[in-house]
Amino acid sequence: MASKAVTLLAKPQMRGLLTAQIKKHLIVASALSVATMLAYKYAVAEPRKAVYAEFYRNYDVEKEYGRMREAGIFTAVRPSDE
């Protein structure tokens, strides 16, 4: 008799496959969402906050009002030369 080479295959998971896949995908999705949030925070939000803070640190309301008044933007206030 010739002996047959027996190859053993892993038994397929018949129960709980969907639950296991969902659990794995939830973990991966959560990790990716946290990574994306942190990347956005430090690449976009923090620099934007710094630019706004710098703008308002040097912003002079009275000077801007005078510039807009002289440009004739306001209808209720005439420029000083009229």
PDB file of N, CA and C in Angstrom:
ATOM      1  N   MET A   1       0.830  -1.185   0.000  1.00  0.00           N
ATOM      2  CA  MET A   1       0.000   0.000   0.000  1.00  0.00           C
ATOM      3  C   MET A   1       0.868   1.240   0.000  1.00  0.00           C
ATOM      4  N   ALA A   2       0.452   2.184  -0.784  1.00  0.00           N
ATOM      5  CA  ALA A   2       1.170   3.446  -0.824  1.00  0.00           C
ATOM      6  C   ALA A   2       0.562   4.359   0.225  1.00  0.00           C
ATOM      7  N   SER A   3       1.420   5.002   0.985  1.00  0.00           N
ATOM      8  CA  SER A   3       0.902   5.908   2.015  1.00  0.00           C
ATOM      9  C   SER A   3       0.616   7.267   1.394  1.00  0.00           C
ATOM     10  N   LYS A   4      -0.517   7.790   1.710  1.00  0.00           N
ATOM     11  CA  LYS A   4      -0.898   9.085   1.178  1.00  0.00           C
ATOM     12  C   LYS A   4      -0.358  10.174   2.106  1.00  0.00           C
ATOM     13  N   ALA A   5       0.115  11.249   1.497  1.00  0.00           N
ATOM     14  CA  ALA A   5       0.575  12.382   2.296  1.00  0.00           C
ATOM     15  C   ALA A   5      -0.655  13.134   2.791  1.00  0.00           C
ATOM     16  N   VAL A   6      -0.777  13.200   4.041  1.00  0.00           N
ATOM     17  CA  VAL A   6      -1.942  13.853   4.638  1.00  0.00           C
ATOM     18  C   VAL A   6      -1.558  15.290   4.968  1.00  0.00           C
ATOM     19  N   THR A   7      -2.289  16.226   4.404  1.00  0.00           N
ATOM     20  CA  THR A   7      -2.074  17.629   4.736  1.00  0.00           C
ATOM     21  C   THR A   7      -3.192  18.064   5.662  1.00  0.00           C
ATOM     22  N   LEU A   8      -2.809  18.606   6.759  1.00  0.00           N
ATOM     23  CA  LEU A   8      -3.794  19.060   7.720  1.00  0.00           C
ATOM     24  C   LEU A   8      -4.084  20.535   7.499  1.00  0.00           C
ATOM     25  N   LEU A   9      -5.307  20.828   7.297  1.00  0.00           N
ATOM     26  CA  LEU A   9      -5.739  22.215   7.151  1.00  0.00           C
ATOM     27  C   LEU A   9      -6.370  22.667   8.456  1.00  0.00           C
ATOM     28  N   ALA A  10      -6.229  23.930   8.713  1.00  0.00           N
ATOM     29  CA  ALA A  10      -6.875  24.480   9.903  1.00  0.00           C
ATOM     30  C   ALA A  10      -8.381  24.451   9.698  1.00  0.00           C
ATOM     31  N   LYS A  11      -9.080  24.112  10.733  1.00  0.00           N
ATOM     32  CA  LYS A  11     -10.530  24.061  10.626  1.00  0.00           C
ATOM     33  C   LYS A  11     -11.065  25.482  10.467  1.00  0.00           C
ATOM     34  N   PRO A  12     -11.992  25.696   9.563  1.00  0.00           N
ATOM     35  CA  PRO A  12     -12.558  27.039   9.403  1.00  0.00           C
ATOM     36  C   PRO A  12     -13.389  27.413  10.629  1.00  0.00           C
ATOM     37  N   GLN A  13     -13.351  28.675  10.926  1.00  0.00           N
ATOM     38  CA  GLN A  13     -14.119  29.158  12.072  1.00  0.00           C
ATOM     39  C   GLN A  13     -15.562  29.330  11.606  1.00  0.00           C
ATOM     40  N   MET A  14     -16.415  28.540  12.144  1.00  0.00           N
ATOM     41  CA  MET A  14     -17.801  28.541  11.684  1.00  0.00           C
ATOM     42  C   MET A  14     -18.703  29.412  12.562  1.00  0.00           C
ATOM     43  N   ARG A  15     -18.347  29.572  13.798  1.00  0.00           N
ATOM     44  CA  ARG A  15     -19.185  30.365  14.696  1.00  0.00           C
ATOM     45  C   ARG A  15     -18.395  31.577  15.188  1.00  0.00           C
ATOM     46  N   GLY A  16     -19.078  32.693  15.251  1.00  0.00           N
ATOM     47  CA  GLY A  16     -18.456  33.891  15.800  1.00  0.00           C
ATOM     48  C   GLY A  16     -17.512  34.601  14.838  1.00  0.00           C
ATOM     49  N   LEU A  17     -17.519  34.238  13.559  1.00  0.00           N
ATOM     50  CA  LEU A  17     -16.606  34.863  12.595  1.00  0.00           C
ATOM     51  C   LEU A  17     -16.943  36.349  12.419  1.00  0.00           C
ATOM     52  N   LEU A  18     -18.209  36.655  12.235  1.00  0.00           N
ATOM     53  CA  LEU A  18     -18.615  38.045  12.051  1.00  0.00           C
ATOM     54  C   LEU A  18     -18.281  38.881  13.280  1.00  0.00           C
ATOM     55  N   THR A  19     -18.516  38.349  14.453  1.00  0.00           N
ATOM     56  CA  THR A  19     -18.220  39.064  15.693  1.00  0.00           C
ATOM     57  C   THR A  19     -16.722  39.339  15.808  1.00  0.00           C
ATOM     58  N   ALA A  20     -15.905  38.366  15.456  1.00  0.00           N
ATOM     59  CA  ALA A  20     -14.457  38.551  15.524  1.00  0.00           C
ATOM     60  C   ALA A  20     -13.989  39.599  14.520  1.00  0.00           C
ATOM     61  N   GLN A  21     -14.548  39.556  13.315  1.00  0.00           N
ATOM     62  CA  GLN A  21     -14.159  40.536  12.299  1.00  0.00           C
ATOM     63  C   GLN A  21     -14.606  41.940  12.694  1.00  0.00           C
ATOM     64  N   ILE A  22     -15.812  42.061  13.206  1.00  0.00           N
ATOM     65  CA  ILE A  22     -16.309  43.378  13.615  1.00  0.00           C
ATOM     66  C   ILE A  22     -15.448  43.933  14.746  1.00  0.00           C
ATOM     67  N   LYS A  23     -15.085  43.097  15.691  1.00  0.00           N
ATOM     68  CA  LYS A  23     -14.248  43.537  16.800  1.00  0.00           C
ATOM     69  C   LYS A  23     -12.903  44.060  16.288  1.00  0.00           C
ATOM     70  N   LYS A  24     -12.296  43.321  15.368  1.00  0.00           N
ATOM     71  CA  LYS A  24     -11.009  43.732  14.797  1.00  0.00           C
ATOM     72  C   LYS A  24     -11.146  45.047  14.021  1.00  0.00           C
ATOM     73  N   HIS A  25     -12.201  45.144  13.215  1.00  0.00           N
ATOM     74  CA  HIS A  25     -12.398  46.355  12.416  1.00  0.00           C
ATOM     75  C   HIS A  25     -12.710  47.567  13.290  1.00  0.00           C
ATOM     76  N   LEU A  26     -13.432  47.369  14.391  1.00  0.00           N
ATOM     77  CA  LEU A  26     -13.701  48.482  15.304  1.00  0.00           C
ATOM     78  C   LEU A  26     -12.416  48.991  15.951  1.00  0.00           C
ATOM     79  N   ILE A  27     -11.543  48.083  16.322  1.00  0.00           N
ATOM     80  CA  ILE A  27     -10.276  48.492  16.925  1.00  0.00           C
ATOM     81  C   ILE A  27      -9.426  49.260  15.926  1.00  0.00           C
ATOM     82  N   VAL A  28      -9.346  48.752  14.693  1.00  0.00           N
ATOM     83  CA  VAL A  28      -8.561  49.429  13.650  1.00  0.00           C
ATOM     84  C   VAL A  28      -9.167  50.795  13.326  1.00  0.00           C
ATOM     85  N   ALA A  29     -10.490  50.849  13.186  1.00  0.00           N
ATOM     86  CA  ALA A  29     -11.155  52.117  12.871  1.00  0.00           C
ATOM     87  C   ALA A  29     -10.972  53.131  13.989  1.00  0.00           C
ATOM     88  N   SER A  30     -11.043  52.687  15.232  1.00  0.00           N
ATOM     89  CA  SER A  30     -10.842  53.600  16.358  1.00  0.00           C
ATOM     90  C   SER A  30      -9.417  54.144  16.368  1.00  0.00           C
ATOM     91  N   ALA A  31      -8.453  53.279  16.142  1.00  0.00           N
ATOM     92  CA  ALA A  31      -7.055  53.723  16.134  1.00  0.00           C
ATOM     93  C   ALA A  31      -6.802  54.707  14.994  1.00  0.00           C
ATOM     94  N   LEU A  32      -7.357  54.430  13.824  1.00  0.00           N
ATOM     95  CA  LEU A  32      -7.169  55.338  12.696  1.00  0.00           C
ATOM     96  C   LEU A  32      -7.862  56.678  12.925  1.00  0.00           C
ATOM     97  N   SER A  33      -9.030  56.668  13.544  1.00  0.00           N
ATOM     98  CA  SER A  33      -9.730  57.928  13.785  1.00  0.00           C
ATOM     99  C   SER A  33      -8.984  58.779  14.811  1.00  0.00           C
ATOM    100  N   VAL A  34      -8.425  58.159  15.833  1.00  0.00           N
ATOM    101  CA  VAL A  34      -7.643  58.909  16.818  1.00  0.00           C
ATOM    102  C   VAL A  34      -6.386  59.474  16.166  1.00  0.00           C
ATOM    103  N   ALA A  35      -5.732  58.676  15.324  1.00  0.00           N
ATOM    104  CA  ALA A  35      -4.531  59.153  14.632  1.00  0.00           C
ATOM    105  C   ALA A  35      -4.866  60.319  13.703  1.00  0.00           C
ATOM    106  N   THR A  36      -5.982  60.227  13.001  1.00  0.00           N
ATOM    107  CA  THR A  36      -6.401  61.313  12.109  1.00  0.00           C
ATOM    108  C   THR A  36      -6.745  62.565  12.898  1.00  0.00           C
ATOM    109  N   MET A  37      -7.409  62.408  14.030  1.00  0.00           N
ATOM    110  CA  MET A  37      -7.751  63.559  14.868  1.00  0.00           C
ATOM    111  C   MET A  37      -6.502  64.263  15.373  1.00  0.00           C
ATOM    112  N   LEU A  38      -5.532  63.483  15.829  1.00  0.00           N
ATOM    113  CA  LEU A  38      -4.297  64.090  16.327  1.00  0.00           C
ATOM    114  C   LEU A  38      -3.516  64.774  15.203  1.00  0.00           C
ATOM    115  N   ALA A  39      -3.480  64.145  14.028  1.00  0.00           N
ATOM    116  CA  ALA A  39      -2.786  64.753  12.893  1.00  0.00           C
ATOM    117  C   ALA A  39      -3.448  66.076  12.510  1.00  0.00           C
ATOM    118  N   TYR A  40      -4.782  66.123  12.467  1.00  0.00           N
ATOM    119  CA  TYR A  40      -5.490  67.352  12.132  1.00  0.00           C
ATOM    120  C   TYR A  40      -5.249  68.423  13.190  1.00  0.00           C
ATOM    121  N   LYS A  41      -5.295  68.015  14.447  1.00  0.00           N
ATOM    122  CA  LYS A  41      -5.117  68.987  15.535  1.00  0.00           C
ATOM    123  C   LYS A  41      -3.767  69.679  15.439  1.00  0.00           C
ATOM    124  N   TYR A  42      -2.699  68.892  15.240  1.00  0.00           N
ATOM    125  CA  TYR A  42      -1.368  69.480  15.251  1.00  0.00           C
ATOM    126  C   TYR A  42      -0.921  70.007  13.891  1.00  0.00           C
ATOM    127  N   ALA A  43      -1.539  69.560  12.804  1.00  0.00           N
ATOM    128  CA  ALA A  43      -1.149  70.053  11.486  1.00  0.00           C
ATOM    129  C   ALA A  43      -2.009  71.223  11.017  1.00  0.00           C
ATOM    130  N   VAL A  44      -3.251  71.323  11.520  1.00  0.00           N
ATOM    131  CA  VAL A  44      -4.156  72.362  11.018  1.00  0.00           C
ATOM    132  C   VAL A  44      -4.645  73.282  12.133  1.00  0.00           C
ATOM    133  N   ALA A  45      -5.212  72.720  13.186  1.00  0.00           N
ATOM    134  CA  ALA A  45      -5.888  73.530  14.198  1.00  0.00           C
ATOM    135  C   ALA A  45      -4.932  74.384  15.017  1.00  0.00           C
ATOM    136  N   GLU A  46      -3.853  73.799  15.487  1.00  0.00           N
ATOM    137  CA  GLU A  46      -2.900  74.568  16.310  1.00  0.00           C
ATOM    138  C   GLU A  46      -2.240  75.706  15.517  1.00  0.00           C
ATOM    139  N   PRO A  47      -1.739  75.465  14.285  1.00  0.00           N
ATOM    140  CA  PRO A  47      -1.194  76.604  13.521  1.00  0.00           C
ATOM    141  C   PRO A  47      -2.239  77.681  13.239  1.00  0.00           C
ATOM    142  N   ARG A  48      -3.483  77.273  12.987  1.00  0.00           N
ATOM    143  CA  ARG A  48      -4.540  78.245  12.721  1.00  0.00           C
ATOM    144  C   ARG A  48      -4.819  79.087  13.961  1.00  0.00           C
ATOM    145  N   LYS A  49      -4.847  78.446  15.135  1.00  0.00           N
ATOM    146  CA  LYS A  49      -5.049  79.196  16.374  1.00  0.00           C
ATOM    147  C   LYS A  49      -3.903  80.174  16.608  1.00  0.00           C
ATOM    148  N   ALA A  50      -2.687  79.771  16.293  1.00  0.00           N
ATOM    149  CA  ALA A  50      -1.531  80.652  16.479  1.00  0.00           C
ATOM    150  C   ALA A  50      -1.606  81.860  15.547  1.00  0.00           C
ATOM    151  N   VAL A  51      -2.051  81.644  14.311  1.00  0.00           N
ATOM    152  CA  VAL A  51      -2.181  82.759  13.360  1.00  0.00           C
ATOM    153  C   VAL A  51      -3.252  83.744  13.831  1.00  0.00           C
ATOM    154  N   TYR A  52      -4.396  83.220  14.284  1.00  0.00           N
ATOM    155  CA  TYR A  52      -5.450  84.102  14.797  1.00  0.00           C
ATOM    156  C   TYR A  52      -4.976  84.862  16.033  1.00  0.00           C
ATOM    157  N   ALA A  53      -4.267  84.193  16.930  1.00  0.00           N
ATOM    158  CA  ALA A  53      -3.775  84.856  18.138  1.00  0.00           C
ATOM    159  C   ALA A  53      -2.795  85.966  17.776  1.00  0.00           C
ATOM    160  N   GLU A  54      -1.907  85.713  16.826  1.00  0.00           N
ATOM    161  CA  GLU A  54      -0.947  86.730  16.390  1.00  0.00           C
ATOM    162  C   GLU A  54      -1.662  87.914  15.736  1.00  0.00           C
ATOM    163  N   PHE A  55      -2.693  87.630  14.926  1.00  0.00           N
ATOM    164  CA  PHE A  55      -3.442  88.701  14.271  1.00  0.00           C
ATOM    165  C   PHE A  55      -4.101  89.600  15.306  1.00  0.00           C
ATOM    166  N   TYR A  56      -4.790  89.017  16.261  1.00  0.00           N
ATOM    167  CA  TYR A  56      -5.500  89.832  17.241  1.00  0.00           C
ATOM    168  C   TYR A  56      -4.577  90.442  18.282  1.00  0.00           C
ATOM    169  N   ARG A  57      -3.371  89.936  18.419  1.00  0.00           N
ATOM    170  CA  ARG A  57      -2.395  90.550  19.319  1.00  0.00           C
ATOM    171  C   ARG A  57      -1.938  91.905  18.743  1.00  0.00           C
ATOM    172  N   ASN A  58      -1.856  91.991  17.416  1.00  0.00           N
ATOM    173  CA  ASN A  58      -1.384  93.212  16.758  1.00  0.00           C
ATOM    174  C   ASN A  58      -2.513  94.042  16.155  1.00  0.00           C
ATOM    175  N   TYR A  59      -3.753  93.664  16.339  1.00  0.00           N
ATOM    176  CA  TYR A  59      -4.892  94.319  15.705  1.00  0.00           C
ATOM    177  C   TYR A  59      -5.282  95.564  16.481  1.00  0.00           C
ATOM    178  N   ASP A  60      -5.359  96.678  15.774  1.00  0.00           N
ATOM    179  CA  ASP A  60      -5.766  97.946  16.388  1.00  0.00           C
ATOM    180  C   ASP A  60      -7.134  98.321  15.816  1.00  0.00           C
ATOM    181  N   VAL A  61      -8.157  98.263  16.645  1.00  0.00           N
ATOM    182  CA  VAL A  61      -9.526  98.506  16.203  1.00  0.00           C
ATOM    183  C   VAL A  61      -9.693  99.943  15.716  1.00  0.00           C
ATOM    184  N   GLU A  62      -9.176 100.893  16.443  1.00  0.00           N
ATOM    185  CA  GLU A  62      -9.327 102.311  16.068  1.00  0.00           C
ATOM    186  C   GLU A  62      -8.638 102.609  14.736  1.00  0.00           C
ATOM    187  N   LYS A  63      -7.474 102.071  14.527  1.00  0.00           N
ATOM    188  CA  LYS A  63      -6.742 102.276  13.271  1.00  0.00           C
ATOM    189  C   LYS A  63      -7.516 101.665  12.105  1.00  0.00           C
ATOM    190  N   GLU A  64      -8.075 100.487  12.301  1.00  0.00           N
ATOM    191  CA  GLU A  64      -8.847  99.829  11.251  1.00  0.00           C
ATOM    192  C   GLU A  64     -10.136 100.591  10.962  1.00  0.00           C
ATOM    193  N   TYR A  65     -10.782 101.111  12.007  1.00  0.00           N
ATOM    194  CA  TYR A  65     -11.991 101.907  11.815  1.00  0.00           C
ATOM    195  C   TYR A  65     -11.683 103.167  11.002  1.00  0.00           C
ATOM    196  N   GLY A  66     -10.587 103.827  11.334  1.00  0.00           N
ATOM    197  CA  GLY A  66     -10.212 105.024  10.575  1.00  0.00           C
ATOM    198  C   GLY A  66      -9.912 104.716   9.122  1.00  0.00           C
ATOM    199  N   ARG A  67      -9.254 103.600   8.856  1.00  0.00           N
ATOM    200  CA  ARG A  67      -8.946 103.218   7.488  1.00  0.00           C
ATOM    201  C   ARG A  67     -10.225 102.926   6.706  1.00  0.00           C
ATOM    202  N   MET A  68     -11.179 102.233   7.329  1.00  0.00           N
ATOM    203  CA  MET A  68     -12.434 101.919   6.647  1.00  0.00           C
ATOM    204  C   MET A  68     -13.284 103.171   6.447  1.00  0.00           C
ATOM    205  N   ARG A  69     -13.259 104.082   7.434  1.00  0.00           N
ATOM    206  CA  ARG A  69     -14.026 105.321   7.301  1.00  0.00           C
ATOM    207  C   ARG A  69     -13.484 106.161   6.160  1.00  0.00           C
ATOM    208  N   GLU A  70     -12.173 106.261   6.043  1.00  0.00           N
ATOM    209  CA  GLU A  70     -11.560 107.044   4.962  1.00  0.00           C
ATOM    210  C   GLU A  70     -11.779 106.382   3.603  1.00  0.00           C
ATOM    211  N   ALA A  71     -11.947 105.075   3.574  1.00  0.00           N
ATOM    212  CA  ALA A  71     -12.196 104.376   2.311  1.00  0.00           C
ATOM    213  C   ALA A  71     -13.644 104.526   1.872  1.00  0.00           C
ATOM    214  N   GLY A  72     -14.519 105.009   2.754  1.00  0.00           N
ATOM    215  CA  GLY A  72     -15.923 105.225   2.399  1.00  0.00           C
ATOM    216  C   GLY A  72     -16.767 103.972   2.500  1.00  0.00           C
ATOM    217  N   ILE A  73     -16.380 103.051   3.332  1.00  0.00           N
ATOM    218  CA  ILE A  73     -17.129 101.797   3.475  1.00  0.00           C
ATOM    219  C   ILE A  73     -18.452 102.025   4.201  1.00  0.00           C
ATOM    220  N   PHE A  74     -18.457 102.886   5.187  1.00  0.00           N
ATOM    221  CA  PHE A  74     -19.654 103.104   5.995  1.00  0.00           C
ATOM    222  C   PHE A  74     -20.566 104.121   5.323  1.00  0.00           C
ATOM    223  N   THR A  75     -21.869 103.865   5.334  1.00  0.00           N
ATOM    224  CA  THR A  75     -22.815 104.795   4.732  1.00  0.00           C
ATOM    225  C   THR A  75     -23.260 105.866   5.715  1.00  0.00           C
ATOM    226  N   ALA A  76     -23.196 105.580   7.012  1.00  0.00           N
ATOM    227  CA  ALA A  76     -23.660 106.526   8.013  1.00  0.00           C
ATOM    228  C   ALA A  76     -22.551 107.506   8.434  1.00  0.00           C
ATOM    229  N   VAL A  77     -21.313 107.227   8.113  1.00  0.00           N
ATOM    230  CA  VAL A  77     -20.190 108.069   8.522  1.00  0.00           C
ATOM    231  C   VAL A  77     -19.455 108.498   7.266  1.00  0.00           C
ATOM    232  N   ARG A  78     -19.308 109.806   7.108  1.00  0.00           N
ATOM    233  CA  ARG A  78     -18.600 110.327   5.931  1.00  0.00           C
ATOM    234  C   ARG A  78     -17.108 110.353   6.200  1.00  0.00           C
ATOM    235  N   PRO A  79     -16.321 110.212   5.146  1.00  0.00           N
ATOM    236  CA  PRO A  79     -14.862 110.377   5.301  1.00  0.00           C
ATOM    237  C   PRO A  79     -14.555 111.788   5.780  1.00  0.00           C
ATOM    238  N   SER A  80     -13.378 111.992   6.362  1.00  0.00           N
ATOM    239  CA  SER A  80     -13.054 113.296   6.962  1.00  0.00           C
ATOM    240  C   SER A  80     -12.855 114.405   5.933  1.00  0.00           C
ATOM    241  N   ASP A  81     -12.616 114.077   4.671  1.00  0.00           N
ATOM    242  CA  ASP A  81     -12.397 115.124   3.671  1.00  0.00           C
ATOM    243  C   ASP A  81     -13.706 115.644   3.095  1.00  0.00           C
ATOM    244  N   GLU A  82     -14.837 115.047   3.407  1.00  0.00           N
ATOM    245  CA  GLU A  82     -16.120 115.557   2.875  1.00  0.00           C
ATOM    246  C   GLU A  82     -16.845 116.397   3.877  1.00  0.00           C
TER     247      GLU A  82
END
